[in-house]
Protein backbone atom coordinates (compact mmCIF):
# COMPACT_ATOMS: atom_id res chain seq x y z
CA MET A 1 -27.62 9.44 24.54
CA LYS A 2 -27.48 9.20 20.79
CA VAL A 3 -24.74 8.68 19.29
CA GLY A 4 -24.76 8.57 15.02
CA TYR A 5 -22.22 6.81 12.83
CA ALA A 6 -21.47 7.90 9.40
CA ARG A 7 -19.69 5.61 6.63
CA THR A 8 -18.62 5.73 3.11
CA SER A 9 -16.20 3.61 1.08
CA THR A 10 -14.09 6.95 -0.84
CA ILE A 11 -14.03 10.05 -0.16
CA GLU A 12 -14.70 10.66 -3.16
CA GLN A 13 -18.70 10.27 -1.83
CA ALA A 14 -18.61 13.76 -0.06
CA ALA A 15 -22.80 14.42 -0.96
CA GLY A 16 -23.24 11.25 0.76
CA PHE A 17 -21.62 11.61 3.62
CA GLU A 18 -22.52 15.29 4.06
CA ALA A 19 -26.08 13.86 3.69
CA GLN A 20 -25.46 11.19 6.61
CA GLN A 21 -23.87 13.51 8.99
CA ARG A 22 -26.92 16.17 8.63
CA ASP A 23 -29.54 13.31 9.29
CA LEU A 24 -27.65 12.32 12.14
CA GLU A 25 -27.67 15.97 13.10
CA ALA A 26 -31.59 16.45 12.73
CA SER A 27 -32.32 12.89 14.50
CA GLY A 28 -30.70 14.61 17.13
CA ALA A 29 -27.25 13.11 17.85
CA GLU A 30 -25.01 14.58 20.70
CA LYS A 31 -21.77 12.52 19.03
CA ILE A 32 -20.99 11.95 15.43
CA PHE A 33 -18.37 8.95 14.37
CA LYS A 34 -17.29 8.84 10.96
CA GLU A 35 -14.58 7.92 8.37
CA GLN A 36 -14.99 7.10 4.87
CA VAL A 37 -13.56 3.51 4.63
CA SER A 38 -14.06 0.40 2.93
CA SER A 39 -16.70 -1.57 5.22
CA VAL A 40 -14.48 -4.82 4.46
CA GLY A 41 -11.40 -3.26 6.14
CA GLU A 42 -11.43 -1.98 9.56
CA ARG A 43 -13.32 0.64 10.74
CA ASN A 44 -11.78 2.38 14.09
CA GLN A 45 -14.35 5.10 14.48
CA LEU A 46 -17.04 1.85 14.18
CA GLU A 47 -15.37 0.06 17.17
CA ALA A 48 -14.67 3.67 18.94
CA ALA A 49 -18.23 4.27 18.29
CA LEU A 50 -18.96 0.79 20.53
CA ASP A 51 -16.67 1.69 23.08
CA PHE A 52 -18.36 4.12 23.56
CA VAL A 53 -22.03 4.14 23.97
CA ARG A 54 -23.31 2.98 27.37
CA ASP A 55 -26.26 1.67 29.35
CA GLY A 56 -29.79 2.96 27.34
CA ASP A 57 -27.79 5.23 24.56
CA THR A 58 -28.83 4.16 21.30
CA ILE A 59 -26.84 4.10 18.02
CA VAL A 60 -28.07 6.13 14.80
CA VAL A 61 -27.51 5.52 11.66
CA THR A 62 -28.90 6.47 8.27
CA LYS A 63 -28.64 3.07 6.16
CA LEU A 64 -27.42 -0.31 7.26
CA ASP A 65 -25.37 -1.18 4.82
CA ARG A 66 -23.71 2.12 6.32
CA LEU A 67 -23.52 -0.09 9.45
CA ALA A 68 -22.27 -3.79 8.47
CA ARG A 69 -20.87 -5.52 6.22
CA SER A 70 -23.15 -8.98 6.50
CA THR A 71 -26.11 -10.32 8.04
CA ALA A 72 -23.32 -12.21 11.26
CA HIS A 73 -21.77 -9.03 11.22
CA LEU A 74 -24.57 -6.96 11.83
CA LEU A 75 -25.77 -9.56 14.15
CA ASN A 76 -22.37 -9.29 16.43
CA ILE A 77 -23.23 -5.50 17.04
CA ILE A 78 -27.10 -6.19 17.31
CA ASP A 79 -25.32 -8.57 20.49
CA GLN A 80 -22.09 -6.40 21.18
CA LEU A 81 -25.10 -3.02 21.87
CA GLN A 82 -28.04 -5.75 24.01
CA SER A 83 -25.02 -6.33 26.08
CA LYS A 84 -24.70 -3.68 26.98
CA SER A 85 -28.05 -1.43 27.08
CA VAL A 86 -27.91 -0.06 23.87
CA GLY A 87 -30.16 0.17 21.32
CA LEU A 88 -29.96 0.82 17.51
CA ARG A 89 -32.00 3.05 15.47
CA ILE A 90 -31.57 2.87 11.35
CA LEU A 91 -32.84 6.65 9.91
CA ASP A 92 -34.22 4.84 6.07
CA PHE A 93 -34.59 1.43 6.36
CA GLY A 94 -36.64 1.27 2.76
CA GLY A 95 -39.30 4.22 3.51
CA SER A 96 -39.06 3.14 7.30
CA GLU A 97 -37.75 3.32 10.39
CA VAL A 98 -36.65 0.57 12.10
CA ASP A 99 -35.89 0.48 16.03
CA THR A 100 -34.30 -2.12 17.92
CA HIS A 101 -35.94 -1.31 21.51
CA SER A 102 -39.26 -3.24 20.02
CA PRO A 103 -39.14 -7.77 19.05
CA THR A 104 -40.86 -5.78 15.88
CA GLY A 105 -37.75 -3.78 15.15
CA LYS A 106 -35.33 -6.94 16.11
CA LEU A 107 -36.93 -9.10 13.71
CA MET A 108 -37.44 -6.02 10.65
CA LEU A 109 -33.12 -5.64 11.19
CA THR A 110 -32.05 -9.30 11.11
CA MET A 111 -35.13 -10.64 7.90
CA PHE A 112 -33.43 -7.32 6.30
CA GLY A 113 -29.81 -7.28 7.28
CA ALA A 114 -30.28 -11.52 5.60
CA PHE A 115 -31.91 -9.43 2.02
CA GLY A 116 -29.27 -7.24 1.76
CA GLN A 117 -26.33 -9.94 1.88
CA PHE A 118 -28.24 -12.34 0.15
CA GLU A 119 -29.09 -9.85 -2.65
CA ARG A 120 -24.84 -8.85 -2.44
CA GLU A 121 -23.94 -11.78 -2.94
CA MET A 122 -26.11 -12.93 -5.68
CA MET A 123 -25.32 -9.54 -7.56
CA LEU A 124 -21.13 -10.70 -7.15
CA GLU A 125 -22.00 -14.14 -8.87
CA ARG A 126 -23.59 -11.99 -11.39
CA GLN A 127 -20.39 -10.39 -11.89
CA ARG A 128 -18.74 -12.37 -11.91
CA GLU A 129 -20.64 -14.73 -14.66
CA GLY A 130 -19.99 -11.73 -17.13
CA ILE A 131 -16.12 -11.00 -16.29
CA ALA A 132 -16.41 -14.77 -17.50
CA LYS A 133 -18.38 -14.13 -20.65
CA ALA A 134 -16.54 -10.90 -21.09
CA LYS A 135 -13.35 -13.06 -21.01
CA THR A 136 -13.77 -15.83 -23.03
CA GLU A 137 -14.81 -13.70 -25.92
CA GLY A 138 -11.68 -11.42 -25.59
CA LYS A 139 -13.84 -8.41 -24.57
CA TYR A 140 -12.70 -7.94 -21.06
CA LYS A 141 -8.93 -5.95 -20.22
CA GLY A 142 -8.83 -6.03 -16.53
CA ARG A 143 -7.97 -2.91 -14.24
CA LYS A 144 -5.60 -0.53 -15.66
CA PRO A 145 -2.94 -1.24 -13.55
CA THR A 146 -2.06 2.19 -11.60
CA ALA A 147 0.41 1.25 -9.18
CA MET A 148 3.03 0.26 -12.33
CA ALA A 149 1.97 3.51 -14.21
CA LYS A 150 4.08 5.10 -11.48
CA ALA A 151 7.34 3.44 -11.77
CA SER A 152 9.63 6.10 -12.30
CA GLU A 153 7.82 8.23 -9.97
CA VAL A 154 8.43 5.83 -7.26
CA LYS A 155 12.25 5.18 -8.28
CA LYS A 156 13.12 8.66 -8.49
CA LEU A 157 11.51 9.24 -4.43
CA ARG A 158 13.20 6.32 -3.10
CA ALA A 159 16.35 7.59 -5.01
CA GLU A 160 15.93 10.96 -3.80
CA GLY A 161 15.48 8.74 -0.15
CA VAL A 162 11.47 8.68 0.42
CA GLY A 163 10.26 6.07 2.62
CA PRO A 164 8.19 3.94 1.26
CA THR A 165 5.31 4.30 3.43
CA GLU A 166 5.61 8.20 2.52
CA ILE A 167 6.03 7.90 -0.92
CA ALA A 168 3.01 4.91 -1.22
CA VAL A 169 0.60 8.16 0.49
CA LYS A 170 2.40 10.85 -1.85
CA LEU A 171 1.20 8.59 -4.91
CA GLY A 172 -1.87 7.29 -3.79
CA ILE A 173 -0.22 4.11 -3.34
CA GLY A 174 -0.44 0.77 -1.34
CA ARG A 175 2.50 0.74 0.68
CA ALA A 176 3.29 -3.46 -1.11
CA SER A 177 2.32 -1.63 -5.02
CA VAL A 178 6.24 0.37 -3.93
CA TYR A 179 7.75 -2.60 -2.28
CA ARG A 180 6.46 -4.55 -5.91
CA ILE A 181 8.26 -1.72 -7.87
CA LEU A 182 11.07 -1.62 -5.57
CA ALA A 183 12.26 -4.75 -6.58
CA SER A 184 11.73 -5.09 -9.64
């Protein structure tokens, strides 16, 4: 059985999310697990897909970055799949397709995973350097505080008896931010 997995980081990436689902269906995925969460947080649908697959199945993803956040994470997923005799197929792997049913596919996947992680770390390093430079020049102000801008709304809802978790959901801010505002 081919089992698809689609992920985007945010709800705003709706077109990319729909495209992933379309491509997975076109590849023959009979069941698709999908979620819109950051790769660094908990990914319940990925875990569900990994639990769901059985001997002889193949997990299909459109791109490598939809699946793993680092080389170590990728290798962990591959180990889980191999222990269950499940393959991994990546539809768009730099213009070609990779399937871990072959030794060459496994090698390519491992190498490109390492390159991807290296490129991400280099990008983050450049970003940190740029922010540091902008701060020294007085040009960096940081992100506008979103939760504090909603402090009056938070306090109003709390006064109406609404709980912190529900306030966070209604206003689109973190629960910790709600507690910080209420404590101030």
